[in-house]
Amino acid sequence: MKFEYEEFSSIEDLFLYMASIAPYMKQILPITYYKGYLFSIVPISQLSTEILMMVYVKKEMSTGLFEFDISTGKYKKIQSIDRADKNYFIIITPKSATLADKAIANLKINDR
């Protein structure tokens, strides 16, 4: 398994990227906060999981449901989904994540 990386400078940029690659009519997307990284690991090709891309930002964020407005580039924590014209992200913090551990370790090796 090979990892590619795309680092963003802000949470808003990460949300904008994820909203732009989401399948049509996919309003709710999971994002992981783990070991100081806010990220999603996505396959580069729909036909293969040999190469995965970790899109990330090194920022802290609380868990929960967030509404993101593409037109303003702003997000806010919410309690429920009520608008079809917004994108929503569920921020989760796993206790352990072996795939993320591999991606983060590889990223740190490449940053040296």
N, C-alpha and C. Protein backbone atom coordinates (compact mmCIF):
# COMPACT_ATOMS: atom_id res chain seq x y z
N MET A 1 0.85 -1.17 0.00
CA MET A 1 0.00 0.00 0.00
C MET A 1 0.89 1.24 0.00
N LYS A 2 0.57 2.18 -0.87
CA LYS A 2 1.34 3.41 -1.00
C LYS A 2 0.45 4.60 -0.62
N PHE A 3 1.05 5.58 0.05
CA PHE A 3 0.32 6.77 0.44
C PHE A 3 0.84 7.99 -0.30
N GLU A 4 -0.07 8.82 -0.70
CA GLU A 4 0.22 10.15 -1.23
C GLU A 4 -0.40 11.13 -0.24
N TYR A 5 0.06 12.38 -0.26
CA TYR A 5 -0.39 13.34 0.74
C TYR A 5 -0.74 14.67 0.10
N GLU A 6 -1.74 15.31 0.67
CA GLU A 6 -2.09 16.67 0.29
C GLU A 6 -2.37 17.42 1.59
N GLU A 7 -1.50 18.36 1.91
CA GLU A 7 -1.64 19.12 3.16
C GLU A 7 -2.31 20.46 2.87
N PHE A 8 -3.23 20.83 3.74
CA PHE A 8 -3.92 22.11 3.62
C PHE A 8 -3.51 23.01 4.78
N SER A 9 -3.68 24.30 4.60
CA SER A 9 -3.27 25.25 5.63
C SER A 9 -4.39 25.58 6.61
N SER A 10 -5.63 25.22 6.26
CA SER A 10 -6.75 25.53 7.17
C SER A 10 -7.81 24.43 7.11
N ILE A 11 -8.63 24.41 8.14
CA ILE A 11 -9.75 23.47 8.18
C ILE A 11 -10.73 23.78 7.05
N GLU A 12 -10.95 25.05 6.80
CA GLU A 12 -11.87 25.46 5.73
C GLU A 12 -11.40 24.92 4.37
N ASP A 13 -10.09 24.98 4.12
CA ASP A 13 -9.58 24.45 2.85
C ASP A 13 -9.77 22.94 2.75
N LEU A 14 -9.56 22.24 3.87
CA LEU A 14 -9.78 20.79 3.89
C LEU A 14 -11.25 20.48 3.61
N PHE A 15 -12.16 21.19 4.28
CA PHE A 15 -13.59 20.99 4.06
C PHE A 15 -13.97 21.28 2.61
N LEU A 16 -13.43 22.34 2.04
CA LEU A 16 -13.73 22.70 0.66
C LEU A 16 -13.26 21.60 -0.30
N TYR A 17 -12.08 21.09 -0.08
CA TYR A 17 -11.57 20.00 -0.91
C TYR A 17 -12.47 18.77 -0.79
N MET A 18 -12.78 18.37 0.43
CA MET A 18 -13.61 17.18 0.64
C MET A 18 -15.00 17.36 0.02
N ALA A 19 -15.58 18.54 0.15
CA ALA A 19 -16.90 18.79 -0.44
C ALA A 19 -16.83 18.71 -1.96
N SER A 20 -15.70 19.13 -2.54
CA SER A 20 -15.60 19.13 -4.00
C SER A 20 -15.38 17.74 -4.58
N ILE A 21 -14.81 16.80 -3.82
CA ILE A 21 -14.59 15.45 -4.35
C ILE A 21 -15.68 14.47 -3.93
N ALA A 22 -16.59 14.92 -3.09
CA ALA A 22 -17.66 14.03 -2.61
C ALA A 22 -18.57 13.61 -3.76
N PRO A 23 -19.05 12.39 -3.72
CA PRO A 23 -20.01 11.96 -4.74
C PRO A 23 -21.24 12.87 -4.73
N TYR A 24 -21.84 13.02 -5.88
CA TYR A 24 -23.03 13.86 -6.01
C TYR A 24 -24.10 13.44 -4.99
N MET A 25 -24.69 14.41 -4.34
CA MET A 25 -25.75 14.23 -3.33
C MET A 25 -25.24 13.59 -2.04
N LYS A 26 -23.94 13.56 -1.84
CA LYS A 26 -23.39 13.04 -0.59
C LYS A 26 -23.17 14.24 0.32
N GLN A 27 -24.07 14.44 1.26
CA GLN A 27 -24.03 15.63 2.11
C GLN A 27 -23.22 15.44 3.39
N ILE A 28 -23.09 14.22 3.85
CA ILE A 28 -22.43 13.97 5.13
C ILE A 28 -21.14 13.19 4.89
N LEU A 29 -20.03 13.76 5.32
CA LEU A 29 -18.74 13.11 5.12
C LEU A 29 -18.01 12.97 6.45
N PRO A 30 -17.38 11.84 6.68
CA PRO A 30 -16.61 11.67 7.91
C PRO A 30 -15.20 12.24 7.77
N ILE A 31 -14.72 12.85 8.82
CA ILE A 31 -13.36 13.35 8.91
C ILE A 31 -12.81 12.85 10.25
N THR A 32 -11.57 12.41 10.25
CA THR A 32 -10.97 11.85 11.46
C THR A 32 -10.02 12.86 12.09
N TYR A 33 -10.11 12.99 13.42
CA TYR A 33 -9.11 13.74 14.17
C TYR A 33 -8.34 12.72 15.00
N TYR A 34 -7.03 12.59 14.70
CA TYR A 34 -6.23 11.53 15.32
C TYR A 34 -4.78 11.97 15.36
N LYS A 35 -4.19 11.91 16.53
CA LYS A 35 -2.77 12.22 16.73
C LYS A 35 -2.36 13.58 16.16
N GLY A 36 -3.22 14.57 16.34
CA GLY A 36 -2.89 15.93 15.90
C GLY A 36 -3.20 16.25 14.46
N TYR A 37 -3.76 15.29 13.74
CA TYR A 37 -4.10 15.49 12.33
C TYR A 37 -5.61 15.41 12.16
N LEU A 38 -6.14 16.32 11.37
CA LEU A 38 -7.53 16.29 10.95
C LEU A 38 -7.48 15.85 9.49
N PHE A 39 -8.05 14.68 9.15
CA PHE A 39 -7.80 14.12 7.83
C PHE A 39 -8.89 13.17 7.35
N SER A 40 -8.74 12.84 6.08
CA SER A 40 -9.52 11.77 5.47
C SER A 40 -8.56 11.01 4.56
N ILE A 41 -8.69 9.71 4.53
CA ILE A 41 -7.88 8.88 3.63
C ILE A 41 -8.81 8.37 2.54
N VAL A 42 -8.48 8.73 1.31
CA VAL A 42 -9.34 8.38 0.17
C VAL A 42 -8.54 7.64 -0.89
N PRO A 43 -9.17 6.69 -1.58
CA PRO A 43 -8.46 6.02 -2.68
C PRO A 43 -8.28 6.99 -3.85
N ILE A 44 -7.14 6.93 -4.49
CA ILE A 44 -6.90 7.79 -5.66
C ILE A 44 -7.73 7.30 -6.84
N SER A 45 -7.90 6.00 -6.94
CA SER A 45 -8.67 5.42 -8.04
C SER A 45 -9.85 4.63 -7.47
N GLN A 46 -10.96 4.68 -8.15
CA GLN A 46 -12.12 3.90 -7.71
C GLN A 46 -11.93 2.41 -7.97
N LEU A 47 -10.97 2.07 -8.82
CA LEU A 47 -10.75 0.68 -9.19
C LEU A 47 -9.72 -0.01 -8.31
N SER A 48 -8.97 0.76 -7.52
CA SER A 48 -7.91 0.15 -6.74
C SER A 48 -7.70 0.89 -5.42
N THR A 49 -7.33 0.14 -4.40
CA THR A 49 -6.97 0.76 -3.13
C THR A 49 -5.47 0.62 -2.87
N GLU A 50 -4.70 0.39 -3.94
CA GLU A 50 -3.25 0.28 -3.83
C GLU A 50 -2.62 1.61 -3.40
N ILE A 51 -3.14 2.71 -3.94
CA ILE A 51 -2.61 4.03 -3.61
C ILE A 51 -3.72 4.82 -2.92
N LEU A 52 -3.43 5.26 -1.71
CA LEU A 52 -4.38 6.05 -0.93
C LEU A 52 -3.83 7.46 -0.74
N MET A 53 -4.71 8.43 -0.71
CA MET A 53 -4.29 9.80 -0.46
C MET A 53 -4.81 10.24 0.90
N MET A 54 -3.92 10.76 1.71
CA MET A 54 -4.31 11.34 2.98
C MET A 54 -4.36 12.84 2.78
N VAL A 55 -5.57 13.39 2.84
CA VAL A 55 -5.74 14.85 2.77
C VAL A 55 -5.89 15.32 4.20
N TYR A 56 -5.08 16.30 4.59
CA TYR A 56 -5.03 16.63 6.01
C TYR A 56 -4.65 18.08 6.28
N VAL A 57 -4.87 18.43 7.53
CA VAL A 57 -4.41 19.70 8.08
C VAL A 57 -3.98 19.40 9.52
N LYS A 58 -2.92 20.04 9.97
CA LYS A 58 -2.45 19.83 11.34
C LYS A 58 -3.12 20.89 12.23
N LYS A 59 -4.33 20.62 12.61
CA LYS A 59 -5.13 21.51 13.45
C LYS A 59 -5.95 20.66 14.40
N GLU A 60 -6.28 21.22 15.54
CA GLU A 60 -7.16 20.53 16.48
C GLU A 60 -8.60 20.88 16.19
N MET A 61 -9.48 19.91 16.45
CA MET A 61 -10.92 20.15 16.27
C MET A 61 -11.68 19.18 17.15
N SER A 62 -12.76 19.66 17.73
CA SER A 62 -13.57 18.81 18.58
C SER A 62 -14.42 17.87 17.72
N THR A 63 -14.88 16.80 18.34
CA THR A 63 -15.74 15.88 17.63
C THR A 63 -17.14 16.46 17.51
N GLY A 64 -17.91 15.93 16.59
CA GLY A 64 -19.29 16.38 16.43
C GLY A 64 -19.66 16.61 14.99
N LEU A 65 -20.82 17.19 14.80
CA LEU A 65 -21.39 17.47 13.49
C LEU A 65 -21.16 18.94 13.15
N PHE A 66 -20.60 19.18 11.95
CA PHE A 66 -20.31 20.54 11.52
C PHE A 66 -20.96 20.81 10.17
N GLU A 67 -21.52 22.00 10.06
CA GLU A 67 -22.11 22.46 8.81
C GLU A 67 -21.09 23.34 8.11
N PHE A 68 -20.90 23.11 6.81
CA PHE A 68 -19.96 23.90 6.03
C PHE A 68 -20.67 24.55 4.86
N ASP A 69 -20.50 25.85 4.73
CA ASP A 69 -21.11 26.61 3.64
C ASP A 69 -20.01 26.92 2.62
N ILE A 70 -20.08 26.32 1.45
CA ILE A 70 -19.06 26.52 0.42
C ILE A 70 -18.98 27.98 -0.01
N SER A 71 -20.12 28.63 -0.14
CA SER A 71 -20.13 30.01 -0.65
C SER A 71 -19.41 30.99 0.26
N THR A 72 -19.46 30.77 1.56
CA THR A 72 -18.77 31.68 2.49
C THR A 72 -17.46 31.10 3.00
N GLY A 73 -17.29 29.79 2.86
CA GLY A 73 -16.08 29.14 3.35
C GLY A 73 -16.05 29.03 4.87
N LYS A 74 -17.21 29.08 5.51
CA LYS A 74 -17.29 29.04 6.98
C LYS A 74 -17.95 27.75 7.44
N TYR A 75 -17.58 27.34 8.65
CA TYR A 75 -18.21 26.17 9.25
C TYR A 75 -18.63 26.49 10.67
N LYS A 76 -19.61 25.70 11.16
CA LYS A 76 -20.05 25.86 12.55
C LYS A 76 -20.55 24.52 13.06
N LYS A 77 -20.41 24.33 14.36
CA LYS A 77 -20.90 23.10 15.00
C LYS A 77 -22.40 23.20 15.13
N ILE A 78 -23.09 22.10 14.82
CA ILE A 78 -24.55 22.08 14.86
C ILE A 78 -25.03 20.82 15.57
N GLN A 79 -26.32 20.79 15.87
CA GLN A 79 -26.93 19.64 16.53
C GLN A 79 -27.66 18.71 15.56
N SER A 80 -28.15 19.28 14.44
CA SER A 80 -28.88 18.44 13.48
C SER A 80 -28.74 19.02 12.07
N ILE A 81 -28.99 18.17 11.09
CA ILE A 81 -28.90 18.56 9.69
C ILE A 81 -30.25 19.10 9.25
N ASP A 82 -30.25 20.34 8.71
CA ASP A 82 -31.52 20.88 8.28
C ASP A 82 -31.49 21.57 6.92
N ARG A 83 -30.36 21.59 6.23
CA ARG A 83 -30.32 22.31 4.96
C ARG A 83 -29.70 21.45 3.87
N ALA A 84 -30.35 21.41 2.74
CA ALA A 84 -29.86 20.63 1.61
C ALA A 84 -28.75 21.35 0.84
N ASP A 85 -28.62 22.67 1.03
CA ASP A 85 -27.61 23.42 0.30
C ASP A 85 -26.28 23.54 1.03
N LYS A 86 -26.12 22.82 2.11
CA LYS A 86 -24.88 22.85 2.90
C LYS A 86 -24.22 21.47 2.85
N ASN A 87 -22.96 21.43 3.19
CA ASN A 87 -22.24 20.17 3.34
C ASN A 87 -22.00 19.95 4.82
N TYR A 88 -22.02 18.70 5.22
CA TYR A 88 -21.88 18.37 6.64
C TYR A 88 -20.72 17.40 6.84
N PHE A 89 -20.01 17.61 7.92
CA PHE A 89 -18.88 16.76 8.26
C PHE A 89 -19.06 16.25 9.68
N ILE A 90 -18.82 14.98 9.84
CA ILE A 90 -18.84 14.37 11.17
C ILE A 90 -17.39 14.14 11.56
N ILE A 91 -16.97 14.82 12.61
CA ILE A 91 -15.59 14.69 13.09
C ILE A 91 -15.58 13.60 14.16
N ILE A 92 -14.76 12.58 13.91
CA ILE A 92 -14.66 11.46 14.84
C ILE A 92 -13.21 11.34 15.33
N THR A 93 -13.05 10.81 16.53
CA THR A 93 -11.73 10.57 17.10
C THR A 93 -11.66 9.12 17.54
N PRO A 94 -11.04 8.28 16.72
CA PRO A 94 -10.95 6.87 17.09
C PRO A 94 -9.92 6.65 18.20
N LYS A 95 -10.10 5.58 18.94
CA LYS A 95 -9.13 5.21 19.98
C LYS A 95 -7.84 4.72 19.33
N SER A 96 -7.99 3.94 18.26
CA SER A 96 -6.83 3.52 17.47
C SER A 96 -7.26 3.42 16.01
N ALA A 97 -6.27 3.59 15.13
CA ALA A 97 -6.55 3.53 13.69
C ALA A 97 -5.29 3.07 12.99
N THR A 98 -5.23 1.79 12.66
CA THR A 98 -3.99 1.22 12.11
C THR A 98 -3.61 1.80 10.76
N LEU A 99 -4.58 2.03 9.89
CA LEU A 99 -4.28 2.63 8.59
C LEU A 99 -3.75 4.05 8.77
N ALA A 100 -4.37 4.81 9.65
CA ALA A 100 -3.91 6.17 9.93
C ALA A 100 -2.51 6.14 10.54
N ASP A 101 -2.25 5.19 11.44
CA ASP A 101 -0.92 5.07 12.03
C ASP A 101 0.14 4.87 10.94
N LYS A 102 -0.15 4.01 9.96
CA LYS A 102 0.79 3.77 8.86
C LYS A 102 0.99 5.03 8.02
N ALA A 103 -0.09 5.71 7.71
CA ALA A 103 0.00 6.92 6.89
C ALA A 103 0.78 8.02 7.61
N ILE A 104 0.52 8.21 8.90
CA ILE A 104 1.20 9.24 9.68
C ILE A 104 2.69 8.91 9.83
N ALA A 105 3.00 7.65 10.10
CA ALA A 105 4.40 7.24 10.23
C ALA A 105 5.15 7.48 8.92
N ASN A 106 4.53 7.13 7.81
CA ASN A 106 5.14 7.34 6.50
C ASN A 106 5.31 8.84 6.21
N LEU A 107 4.35 9.63 6.58
CA LEU A 107 4.43 11.07 6.39
C LEU A 107 5.59 11.66 7.17
N LYS A 108 5.77 11.23 8.41
CA LYS A 108 6.86 11.74 9.25
C LYS A 108 8.22 11.34 8.70
N ILE A 109 8.32 10.13 8.14
CA ILE A 109 9.58 9.70 7.52
C ILE A 109 9.91 10.56 6.31
N ASN A 110 8.89 10.88 5.50
CA ASN A 110 9.10 11.69 4.30
C ASN A 110 9.38 13.15 4.60
N ASP A 111 8.98 13.63 5.78
CA ASP A 111 9.21 15.04 6.17
C ASP A 111 10.63 15.29 6.64
N ARG A 112 11.39 14.25 6.87
CA ARG A 112 12.76 14.43 7.38
C ARG A 112 13.69 14.96 6.36
